């Protein structure tokens, strides 16, 4: 629970009282608004132990009678010397969360540094995001001992000047909602593939579909066959589990633009007949992170009730497994809408299920803009590492909006080119398209394949294969799935004009 408070820090009697300081010049100690804390900083600064560097911590055990402090511990967190940004405070929240967990601190009180030249509401929003994301743990399948069970944070209060309380309460809601969306995305990704199946996506959709103006519909295998969704059905051929196409619709009831979100829901990817190497295959339960991000974002959208646009989400969900009935290299399938595809590699399956969802979504819902999120290619990891999501688009304006939303969310992206020469690599002699374009430019040719199914609709493709797990180490991003994508989509919807 996170709340704002105007109670003085000196009145706090809980486990951890937290202050934030900027890094000063080498000859000067960081400046803190509290006299007691400043005295302690000055003492340790002479020893070189508190410089205010980014993510740096100073833990103090005050003598309550002498110092006049009721808190059990004081924590000073450095904000660094770079320009202040949303990411600085998101990281700081993560640092506090990690320190609080290590100390088994149940009650925390954070003094928001309102004296700094940065909007207080944005400090609050991003501190909340960092606190929630940084305290994340997934121990559902692990038997915990009593000591581990107690390592959970409870009540967190943020000290805000009285004049900023109302705005800060709204900021807490925004930051908490975005943080929880990241948590929900991580939770889905952490589940093993024998638990998080296509049916689990359908069940989750039905659960959140009853919220407010959000509705849910599931297209089952029989209906897919009638609709001739050969991509989803083809990829699913080797699996014993039926596929699902989850459709979530948020409607304002007004005449407003429609945004279509599509998330790849490959609950396990063995590669099919084009079998992946055994090493690292266990990570292929994460191949549904795009679908998880879209679902988590829709849950927040339903709660926040934006009035500027309708939002529709599609998650095609299936496994990609090898069997005697599996799709084979060289097979030809017919996607929704009639385009034929020569399947040269069954491990390039994500684009096949996304193509059906994109083509169906564009025709059925007539969206003004489309964004798909997918762990699509290893090639994007080669090009951008685990530090940036690859963005490709047919529309500069929409691409710029998504890039800015990612920057505000701390989920950085890099735009890659998309031009006719890449589409040339996908030409087949016996079908409309091949599903791979050779080993060069793989992230781009994958996007070029998807582009064939969106027509002229403004569209952005986000390849999160490098950022959905093993993401750049941050205080609020743990090992394993990062939860990336959901917060960017939420930020985009919040700022939609």
Protein backbone atom coordinates (compact mmCIF):
# COMPACT_ATOMS: atom_id res chain seq x y z
CA UNK A 1 0.00 0.00 0.00
CA UNK A 2 1.36 3.41 -0.99
CA UNK A 3 -0.11 6.64 0.34
CA UNK A 4 0.79 10.31 0.63
CA UNK A 5 1.16 12.00 3.98
CA UNK A 6 1.74 15.47 5.37
CA UNK A 7 2.90 14.06 8.70
CA UNK A 8 6.35 15.34 9.62
CA UNK A 9 9.22 12.88 9.12
CA UNK A 10 10.23 13.36 12.75
CA UNK A 11 6.92 11.79 13.79
CA UNK A 12 7.52 8.55 11.85
CA UNK A 13 8.18 5.57 14.15
CA UNK A 14 8.46 2.82 11.55
CA UNK A 15 11.31 0.82 10.06
CA UNK A 16 12.88 3.04 7.41
CA UNK A 17 12.87 6.81 6.88
CA UNK A 18 14.22 7.72 3.44
CA UNK A 19 15.76 10.93 2.06
CA UNK A 20 17.03 11.65 -1.46
CA UNK A 21 20.06 13.80 -2.34
CA UNK A 22 21.78 15.03 -5.50
CA UNK A 23 25.45 14.41 -6.15
CA UNK A 24 27.48 17.58 -5.48
CA UNK A 25 30.91 18.68 -6.57
CA UNK A 26 33.77 16.64 -5.13
CA UNK A 27 34.64 19.23 -2.49
CA UNK A 28 31.08 19.58 -1.20
CA UNK A 29 28.78 17.14 0.54
CA UNK A 30 25.33 16.41 -0.93
CA UNK A 31 22.63 18.70 0.45
CA UNK A 32 19.68 17.34 2.41
CA UNK A 33 16.63 19.25 3.67
CA UNK A 34 16.88 17.64 7.12
CA UNK A 35 19.42 19.08 9.56
CA UNK A 36 20.14 15.78 11.33
CA UNK A 37 20.63 13.88 8.09
CA UNK A 38 22.84 16.66 6.75
CA UNK A 39 25.10 16.38 9.80
CA UNK A 40 25.49 12.64 9.25
CA UNK A 41 26.13 13.15 5.55
CA UNK A 42 28.84 15.68 6.34
CA UNK A 43 30.51 13.20 8.69
CA UNK A 44 30.69 10.34 6.23
CA UNK A 45 31.39 12.59 3.25
CA UNK A 46 34.81 13.34 4.70
CA UNK A 47 35.48 9.58 4.54
CA UNK A 48 34.27 9.40 0.93
CA UNK A 49 31.27 7.26 1.89
CA UNK A 50 28.35 9.45 0.79
CA UNK A 51 28.73 11.28 -2.49
CA UNK A 52 25.12 11.18 -3.69
CA UNK A 53 25.98 9.03 -6.70
CA UNK A 54 23.14 7.42 -8.64
CA UNK A 55 21.71 4.45 -6.72
CA UNK A 56 24.18 4.95 -3.85
CA UNK A 57 22.83 4.28 -0.33
CA UNK A 58 23.83 5.45 3.13
CA UNK A 59 22.15 3.59 6.00
CA UNK A 60 22.08 5.32 9.40
CA UNK A 61 21.01 3.89 12.76
CA UNK A 62 20.06 6.99 14.77
CA UNK A 63 20.36 7.30 18.52
CA UNK A 64 16.79 8.33 19.14
CA UNK A 65 17.29 10.16 22.43
CA UNK A 66 20.24 12.15 21.13
CA UNK A 67 19.07 12.67 17.56
CA UNK A 68 15.39 13.20 18.27
CA UNK A 69 14.42 10.71 15.56
CA UNK A 70 11.75 8.07 16.10
CA UNK A 71 12.41 5.97 12.99
CA UNK A 72 14.45 2.79 13.48
CA UNK A 73 16.67 3.54 10.48
CA UNK A 74 17.49 6.40 8.13
CA UNK A 75 18.35 5.78 4.48
CA UNK A 76 19.92 8.35 2.17
CA UNK A 77 19.61 7.52 -1.55
CA UNK A 78 21.72 9.26 -4.19
CA UNK A 79 20.11 10.68 -7.33
CA UNK A 80 23.38 11.30 -9.18
CA UNK A 81 24.50 14.48 -10.92
CA UNK A 82 22.86 14.05 -14.35
CA UNK A 83 19.78 16.04 -15.27
CA UNK A 84 16.76 14.96 -13.28
CA UNK A 85 14.32 12.77 -15.17
CA UNK A 86 11.47 10.37 -14.59
CA UNK A 87 13.92 7.49 -14.86
CA UNK A 88 16.08 8.91 -12.04
CA UNK A 89 13.16 8.68 -9.62
CA UNK A 90 11.99 5.32 -10.96
CA UNK A 91 15.47 3.95 -10.25
CA UNK A 92 15.50 5.58 -6.82
CA UNK A 93 12.21 3.90 -5.95
CA UNK A 94 13.71 0.58 -7.01
CA UNK A 95 16.75 1.16 -4.80
CA UNK A 96 14.52 1.88 -1.80
CA UNK A 97 12.43 -1.23 -2.50
CA UNK A 98 15.47 -3.50 -2.69
CA UNK A 99 16.97 -2.02 0.47
CA UNK A 100 13.66 -2.27 2.28
CA UNK A 101 13.34 -5.93 1.38
CA UNK A 102 16.88 -6.71 2.49
CA UNK A 103 16.19 -5.04 5.85
CA UNK A 104 12.75 -6.69 6.11
CA UNK A 105 11.31 -3.22 6.64
CA UNK A 106 7.52 -3.37 6.85
CA UNK A 107 6.85 0.37 7.21
CA UNK A 108 8.64 2.96 5.07
CA UNK A 109 8.40 6.74 4.95
CA UNK A 110 9.90 8.53 1.94
CA UNK A 111 10.56 12.27 1.99
CA UNK A 112 9.89 13.47 -1.55
CA UNK A 113 12.56 16.11 -2.36
CA UNK A 114 10.11 18.85 -3.35
CA UNK A 115 12.91 21.43 -3.19
CA UNK A 116 14.46 20.03 -6.37
CA UNK A 117 13.73 21.57 -9.77
CA UNK A 118 11.48 18.80 -11.07
CA UNK A 119 7.67 18.38 -10.96
CA UNK A 120 6.67 16.86 -7.63
CA UNK A 121 3.84 14.85 -9.19
CA UNK A 122 6.26 13.18 -11.61
CA UNK A 123 8.64 12.40 -8.74
CA UNK A 124 5.77 10.75 -6.89
CA UNK A 125 4.48 8.84 -9.90
CA UNK A 126 7.88 7.40 -10.79
CA UNK A 127 8.90 6.66 -7.21
CA UNK A 128 5.72 4.58 -6.92
CA UNK A 129 6.50 2.72 -10.14
CA UNK A 130 10.02 1.98 -8.92
CA UNK A 131 8.85 0.87 -5.48
CA UNK A 132 6.34 -1.61 -6.91
CA UNK A 133 8.56 -2.92 -9.69
CA UNK A 134 11.66 -3.02 -7.48
CA UNK A 135 9.97 -5.03 -4.74
CA UNK A 136 8.81 -7.71 -7.20
CA UNK A 137 9.30 -11.35 -6.23
CA UNK A 138 7.91 -14.52 -7.79
CA UNK A 139 7.93 -17.34 -5.26
CA UNK A 140 4.68 -19.10 -6.10
CA UNK A 141 6.36 -22.47 -6.61
CA UNK A 142 9.05 -22.15 -3.96
CA UNK A 143 8.67 -23.33 -0.39
CA UNK A 144 9.73 -20.40 1.77
CA UNK A 145 11.17 -20.53 5.25
CA UNK A 146 9.85 -18.21 7.94
CA UNK A 147 12.63 -15.66 7.44
CA UNK A 148 11.90 -15.31 3.72
CA UNK A 149 8.18 -14.97 4.34
CA UNK A 150 8.76 -11.87 6.47
CA UNK A 151 10.80 -10.13 3.75
CA UNK A 152 7.85 -8.16 2.38
CA UNK A 153 7.14 -4.47 2.49
CA UNK A 154 3.82 -3.30 3.82
CA UNK A 155 2.77 0.31 4.27
CA UNK A 156 4.71 2.97 2.35
CA UNK A 157 4.10 6.67 2.95
CA UNK A 158 5.39 9.56 0.85
CA UNK A 159 5.86 12.90 2.62
CA UNK A 160 4.47 15.69 0.46
CA UNK A 161 4.08 19.41 1.24
CA UNK A 162 0.46 20.21 2.06
CA UNK A 163 -0.08 22.27 -1.11
CA UNK A 164 0.78 19.30 -3.36
CA UNK A 165 -1.21 16.58 -1.60
CA UNK A 166 -4.20 16.40 -3.96
CA UNK A 167 -2.08 16.20 -7.11
CA UNK A 168 0.26 13.72 -5.44
CA UNK A 169 -2.62 11.36 -4.64
CA UNK A 170 -3.48 11.21 -8.34
CA UNK A 171 0.19 10.61 -9.14
CA UNK A 172 0.28 7.68 -6.70
CA UNK A 173 -2.64 6.11 -8.56
CA UNK A 174 -0.93 6.56 -11.92
CA UNK A 175 2.42 5.20 -10.76
CA UNK A 176 0.87 2.32 -8.85
CA UNK A 177 -1.31 1.28 -11.80
CA UNK A 178 1.64 1.27 -14.20
CA UNK A 179 3.79 -0.60 -11.70
CA UNK A 180 1.12 -3.23 -11.12
CA UNK A 181 0.78 -3.68 -14.88
CA UNK A 182 4.48 -4.48 -15.02
CA UNK A 183 4.02 -6.92 -12.14
CA UNK A 184 1.08 -8.63 -13.87
CA UNK A 185 3.10 -8.99 -17.07
CA UNK A 186 6.00 -10.54 -15.13
CA UNK A 187 3.67 -12.89 -13.27
CA UNK A 188 2.20 -14.23 -16.51
CA UNK A 189 5.66 -14.66 -18.02
CA UNK A 190 7.02 -16.46 -14.95
CA UNK A 191 4.33 -19.11 -15.08
CA UNK A 192 5.58 -22.36 -16.64
CA UNK A 193 4.19 -23.38 -20.00
CA UNK A 194 2.24 -26.26 -18.48
CA UNK A 195 0.32 -23.67 -16.42
CA UNK A 196 0.22 -20.60 -18.69
CA UNK A 197 -1.41 -22.20 -21.70
CA UNK A 198 -3.58 -20.62 -24.42
CA UNK A 199 -6.54 -21.40 -22.17
CA UNK A 200 -4.91 -19.36 -19.39
CA UNK A 201 -4.84 -16.34 -21.70
CA UNK A 202 -8.53 -16.90 -22.42
CA UNK A 203 -9.33 -17.23 -18.71
CA UNK A 204 -7.42 -14.05 -17.88
CA UNK A 205 -9.25 -12.20 -20.63
CA UNK A 206 -12.61 -13.34 -19.30
CA UNK A 207 -11.63 -12.32 -15.77
CA UNK A 208 -10.73 -8.75 -16.68
CA UNK A 209 -13.41 -8.55 -19.37
CA UNK A 210 -16.12 -7.90 -16.82
CA UNK A 211 -14.50 -4.66 -15.63
CA UNK A 212 -16.28 -1.43 -16.50
CA UNK A 213 -16.48 -0.89 -20.25
CA UNK A 214 -14.19 -3.79 -21.08
CA UNK A 215 -15.65 -6.83 -22.82
CA UNK A 216 -14.02 -10.12 -23.81
CA UNK A 217 -14.68 -12.56 -26.63
CA UNK A 218 -12.74 -15.71 -27.49
CA UNK A 219 -12.43 -17.02 -31.04
CA UNK A 220 -12.11 -20.78 -30.73
CA UNK A 221 -10.48 -23.27 -33.12
CA UNK A 222 -13.65 -24.09 -35.05
CA UNK A 223 -14.38 -20.43 -35.74
CA UNK A 224 -10.74 -19.89 -36.77
CA UNK A 225 -11.21 -22.63 -39.35
CA UNK A 226 -14.34 -20.92 -40.69
CA UNK A 227 -12.49 -17.60 -40.82
CA UNK A 228 -9.53 -19.30 -42.56
CA UNK A 229 -6.92 -18.17 -40.03
CA UNK A 230 -4.26 -20.44 -41.47
CA UNK A 231 -1.41 -18.82 -39.55
CA UNK A 232 -2.71 -19.57 -36.05
CA UNK A 233 -4.08 -22.95 -37.08
CA UNK A 234 -0.88 -23.90 -38.87
CA UNK A 235 1.40 -23.06 -35.96
CA UNK A 236 -0.97 -24.89 -33.63
CA UNK A 237 -0.97 -28.13 -35.66
CA UNK A 238 1.75 -29.77 -33.59
CA UNK A 239 0.17 -28.98 -30.22
CA UNK A 240 -2.32 -31.04 -28.24
CA UNK A 241 -3.76 -27.78 -26.84
CA UNK A 242 -6.28 -25.81 -28.92
CA UNK A 243 -5.44 -22.23 -29.88
CA UNK A 244 -7.33 -19.16 -28.70
CA UNK A 245 -7.73 -15.68 -30.12
CA UNK A 246 -8.56 -13.41 -27.19
CA UNK A 247 -10.36 -10.18 -28.07
CA UNK A 248 -10.74 -7.39 -25.50
CA UNK A 249 -12.70 -4.26 -26.34
CA UNK A 250 -12.75 -1.01 -24.37
CA UNK A 251 -15.47 1.30 -25.67
CA UNK A 252 -16.19 4.88 -24.62
CA UNK A 253 -19.58 4.98 -26.29
CA UNK A 254 -18.46 8.08 -28.18
CA UNK A 255 -17.30 8.82 -31.70
CA UNK A 256 -13.57 8.62 -31.06
CA UNK A 257 -10.54 7.01 -32.75
CA UNK A 258 -9.85 3.32 -32.26
CA UNK A 259 -6.43 1.97 -31.28
CA UNK A 260 -5.76 -1.70 -32.00
CA UNK A 261 -3.22 -3.55 -29.85
CA UNK A 262 -1.96 -7.00 -30.84
CA UNK A 263 0.27 -9.10 -28.59
CA UNK A 264 2.04 -12.34 -29.47
CA UNK A 265 0.83 -15.11 -27.16
CA UNK A 266 3.15 -18.02 -27.98
CA UNK A 267 2.94 -19.87 -24.65
CA UNK A 268 5.83 -22.18 -25.57
CA UNK A 269 8.03 -22.14 -28.64
CA UNK A 270 10.03 -25.29 -29.33
CA UNK A 271 10.63 -24.08 -32.88
CA UNK A 272 8.35 -26.81 -34.22
CA UNK A 273 9.94 -29.10 -36.82
CA UNK A 274 12.71 -26.47 -37.19
CA UNK A 275 13.62 -27.38 -33.62
CA UNK A 276 15.50 -24.91 -31.44
CA UNK A 277 18.73 -25.93 -29.67
CA UNK A 278 18.12 -27.47 -26.26
CA UNK A 279 20.25 -24.85 -24.50
CA UNK A 280 18.03 -21.97 -23.48
CA UNK A 281 14.82 -23.60 -24.66
CA UNK A 282 13.40 -23.27 -21.15
CA UNK A 283 13.26 -19.51 -21.74
CA UNK A 284 10.80 -20.09 -24.56
CA UNK A 285 7.95 -19.98 -22.06
CA UNK A 286 8.61 -16.22 -22.28
CA UNK A 287 7.54 -16.10 -25.94
CA UNK A 288 4.14 -14.84 -24.78
CA UNK A 289 5.46 -11.64 -23.17
CA UNK A 290 3.93 -9.44 -25.87
CA UNK A 291 0.50 -10.90 -25.23
CA UNK A 292 0.99 -10.53 -21.47
CA UNK A 293 1.93 -6.85 -21.86
CA UNK A 294 -1.15 -6.13 -23.96
CA UNK A 295 -3.45 -7.90 -21.48
CA UNK A 296 -1.95 -6.07 -18.49
CA UNK A 297 -2.25 -2.73 -20.29
CA UNK A 298 -5.91 -3.37 -21.10
CA UNK A 299 -6.64 -4.07 -17.45
CA UNK A 300 -5.32 -0.62 -16.50
CA UNK A 301 -7.09 1.04 -19.43
CA UNK A 302 -10.38 -0.45 -18.21
CA UNK A 303 -9.73 0.93 -14.73
CA UNK A 304 -8.69 4.42 -15.84
CA UNK A 305 -11.48 4.82 -18.42
CA UNK A 306 -9.83 7.08 -21.00
CA UNK A 307 -12.35 9.14 -22.95
CA UNK A 308 -10.32 10.12 -26.03
CA UNK A 309 -10.24 6.76 -27.77
CA UNK A 310 -11.53 3.21 -27.94
CA UNK A 311 -8.98 0.44 -27.50
CA UNK A 312 -9.25 -3.09 -28.89
CA UNK A 313 -6.71 -5.80 -28.04
CA UNK A 314 -6.10 -9.13 -29.78
CA UNK A 315 -3.90 -11.88 -28.37
CA UNK A 316 -3.42 -14.92 -30.63
CA UNK A 317 -2.40 -17.71 -28.26
CA UNK A 318 -0.97 -21.13 -29.10
CA UNK A 319 2.04 -23.39 -28.63
CA UNK A 320 4.57 -24.22 -31.35
CA UNK A 321 5.38 -27.90 -30.91
CA UNK A 322 6.92 -30.68 -33.06
CA UNK A 323 4.80 -33.74 -33.78
CA UNK A 324 3.68 -35.93 -36.67
CA UNK A 325 0.95 -33.40 -37.41
CA UNK A 326 3.11 -30.27 -37.07
CA UNK A 327 3.60 -27.68 -39.79
CA UNK A 328 6.58 -28.63 -42.00
CA UNK A 329 9.20 -26.49 -43.75
CA UNK A 330 7.98 -26.09 -47.31
CA UNK A 331 4.27 -26.19 -46.44
CA UNK A 332 2.01 -23.48 -47.80
CA UNK A 333 -0.68 -21.91 -45.62
CA UNK A 334 -3.39 -19.34 -46.32
CA UNK A 335 -3.56 -16.46 -43.85
CA UNK A 336 -6.73 -14.61 -42.91
CA UNK A 337 -7.69 -12.48 -45.89
CA UNK A 338 -6.33 -14.86 -48.50
CA UNK A 339 -2.57 -14.26 -48.74
CA UNK A 340 -0.58 -17.48 -49.15
CA UNK A 341 2.69 -18.07 -47.30
CA UNK A 342 5.45 -20.56 -48.02
CA UNK A 343 6.69 -21.66 -44.60
CA UNK A 344 10.44 -21.99 -44.97
CA UNK A 345 11.15 -22.20 -41.25
CA UNK A 346 8.62 -23.26 -38.61
CA UNK A 347 10.58 -21.34 -35.96
CA UNK A 348 9.48 -18.11 -37.66
CA UNK A 349 6.01 -18.75 -36.29
CA UNK A 350 5.24 -15.56 -34.41
CA UNK A 351 4.72 -13.58 -37.58
CA UNK A 352 2.25 -16.21 -38.82
CA UNK A 353 -0.07 -15.89 -35.83
CA UNK A 354 0.33 -12.12 -35.69
CA UNK A 355 -0.50 -11.82 -39.39
CA UNK A 356 -3.90 -13.43 -38.85
CA UNK A 357 -4.63 -11.24 -35.84
CA UNK A 358 -3.50 -8.05 -37.60
CA UNK A 359 -5.43 -8.75 -40.80
CA UNK A 360 -8.56 -9.71 -38.87
CA UNK A 361 -8.28 -6.73 -36.49
CA UNK A 362 -7.79 -4.20 -39.28
CA UNK A 363 -10.75 -5.54 -41.27
CA UNK A 364 -13.10 -6.09 -38.34
CA UNK A 365 -12.45 -2.99 -36.21
CA UNK A 366 -11.26 -0.41 -38.78
CA UNK A 367 -8.68 1.05 -36.35
CA UNK A 368 -7.05 4.45 -36.77
CA UNK A 369 -3.75 3.05 -35.51
CA UNK A 370 -2.26 -0.38 -34.77
CA UNK A 371 0.55 -1.42 -32.44
CA UNK A 372 1.81 -4.97 -32.11
CA UNK A 373 4.14 -6.20 -29.38
CA UNK A 374 6.07 -9.43 -29.87
CA UNK A 375 9.17 -11.36 -28.88
CA UNK A 376 9.68 -11.85 -32.58
CA UNK A 377 13.32 -12.28 -33.65
CA UNK A 378 16.74 -13.19 -32.36
CA UNK A 379 18.01 -10.76 -34.98
CA UNK A 380 16.84 -7.75 -32.97
CA UNK A 381 18.96 -8.97 -30.04
CA UNK A 382 22.00 -9.15 -32.32
CA UNK A 383 21.34 -5.60 -33.51
CA UNK A 384 20.29 -3.85 -30.29
CA UNK A 385 21.33 -6.18 -27.50
CA UNK A 386 19.16 -6.24 -24.39
CA UNK A 387 19.02 -2.46 -24.04
CA UNK A 388 16.51 -1.23 -26.62
CA UNK A 389 13.28 -2.53 -28.13
CA UNK A 390 13.28 -2.53 -31.91
CA UNK A 391 10.59 -0.28 -33.40
CA UNK A 392 9.51 -0.42 -37.03
CA UNK A 393 6.64 1.52 -38.56
CA UNK A 394 4.92 2.69 -41.70
CA UNK A 395 3.97 6.03 -40.09
CA UNK A 396 6.39 8.65 -38.73
CA UNK A 397 3.82 10.41 -36.55
CA UNK A 398 2.69 7.25 -34.76
CA UNK A 399 6.28 6.02 -34.44
CA UNK A 400 7.25 9.30 -32.74
CA UNK A 401 4.33 9.03 -30.29
CA UNK A 402 5.33 5.49 -29.30
CA UNK A 403 9.02 6.41 -28.98
CA UNK A 404 8.11 9.27 -26.61
CA UNK A 405 5.79 7.05 -24.57
CA UNK A 406 8.62 4.52 -24.24
CA UNK A 407 11.03 7.24 -23.11
CA UNK A 408 8.61 8.49 -20.44
CA UNK A 409 8.15 4.90 -19.27
CA UNK A 410 11.86 4.12 -19.16
CA UNK A 411 11.30 1.46 -21.84
CA UNK A 412 13.67 2.75 -24.49
CA UNK A 413 13.35 1.91 -28.18
CA UNK A 414 15.31 2.32 -31.39
CA UNK A 415 13.67 2.77 -34.75
CA UNK A 416 14.91 0.53 -37.55
CA UNK A 417 14.34 1.18 -41.28
CA UNK A 418 11.54 -0.43 -43.24
CA UNK A 419 11.70 -0.15 -47.03
CA UNK A 420 10.92 -1.96 -50.27
CA UNK A 421 14.31 -3.66 -50.53
CA UNK A 422 13.55 -5.68 -47.39
CA UNK A 423 10.21 -6.81 -48.78
CA UNK A 424 12.05 -8.14 -51.83
CA UNK A 425 13.70 -10.72 -49.56
CA UNK A 426 10.27 -12.22 -48.78
CA UNK A 427 9.26 -13.03 -52.34
CA UNK A 428 8.36 -16.65 -53.00
CA UNK A 429 8.24 -18.39 -56.36
CA UNK A 430 5.18 -20.44 -55.42
CA UNK A 431 3.26 -18.29 -52.89
CA UNK A 432 2.55 -14.65 -52.13
CA UNK A 433 5.21 -14.54 -49.42
CA UNK A 434 7.89 -16.56 -47.65
CA UNK A 435 7.92 -16.41 -43.88
CA UNK A 436 11.67 -15.68 -43.70
CA UNK A 437 13.91 -13.41 -45.74
CA UNK A 438 17.31 -14.98 -45.20
CA UNK A 439 19.83 -14.42 -42.42
CA UNK A 440 20.45 -10.73 -43.09
CA UNK A 441 18.23 -8.03 -41.59
CA UNK A 442 16.01 -10.57 -39.88
CA UNK A 443 14.27 -8.15 -37.52
CA UNK A 444 13.41 -5.89 -40.44
CA UNK A 445 12.21 -8.60 -42.81
CA UNK A 446 10.00 -9.98 -40.02
CA UNK A 447 8.39 -6.55 -39.70
CA UNK A 448 8.12 -6.30 -43.49
CA UNK A 449 6.17 -9.56 -43.42
CA UNK A 450 3.73 -8.13 -40.87
CA UNK A 451 3.39 -4.91 -42.84
CA UNK A 452 1.77 -6.88 -45.65
CA UNK A 453 -1.21 -7.53 -43.34
CA UNK A 454 -1.95 -3.99 -42.10
CA UNK A 455 -2.36 -2.22 -45.42
CA UNK A 456 -2.23 1.57 -45.18
CA UNK A 457 -3.32 1.72 -41.53
CA UNK A 458 -0.76 3.59 -39.37
CA UNK A 459 1.12 0.82 -37.62
CA UNK A 460 4.02 0.30 -35.20
CA UNK A 461 5.72 -3.02 -34.56
CA UNK A 462 7.66 -3.48 -31.30
CA UNK A 463 10.13 -6.37 -31.29
CA UNK A 464 10.79 -7.02 -27.59
CA UNK A 465 12.82 -10.22 -28.02
CA UNK A 466 15.87 -8.51 -26.50
CA UNK A 467 14.09 -6.64 -23.72
CA UNK A 468 11.36 -9.03 -22.51
CA UNK A 469 13.96 -10.90 -20.42
CA UNK A 470 17.66 -10.44 -19.65
CA UNK A 471 16.90 -6.71 -19.89
CA UNK A 472 19.44 -4.02 -18.95
CA UNK A 473 20.07 -4.34 -15.22
CA UNK A 474 18.19 -1.70 -13.24
CA UNK A 475 17.18 -1.40 -9.58
CA UNK A 476 13.55 -1.92 -10.55
CA UNK A 477 14.10 -4.67 -13.14
CA UNK A 478 14.99 -8.08 -11.66
CA UNK A 479 16.49 -11.09 -13.35
CA UNK A 480 14.05 -12.94 -15.57
CA UNK A 481 11.10 -11.35 -17.36
CA UNK A 482 11.14 -7.55 -17.30
CA UNK A 483 7.43 -6.88 -17.82
CA UNK A 484 8.29 -4.52 -20.66
CA UNK A 485 5.67 -3.10 -23.00
CA UNK A 486 2.66 -2.69 -20.73
CA UNK A 487 3.77 0.63 -19.23
CA UNK A 488 4.58 2.08 -22.66
CA UNK A 489 1.11 1.22 -23.95
CA UNK A 490 -0.50 2.71 -20.84
CA UNK A 491 1.54 5.90 -21.20
CA UNK A 492 0.61 6.13 -24.89
CA UNK A 493 -3.11 5.87 -24.11
CA UNK A 494 -2.86 8.37 -21.24
CA UNK A 495 -1.24 10.96 -23.49
CA UNK A 496 -3.30 10.27 -26.60
CA UNK A 497 -4.36 13.37 -28.49
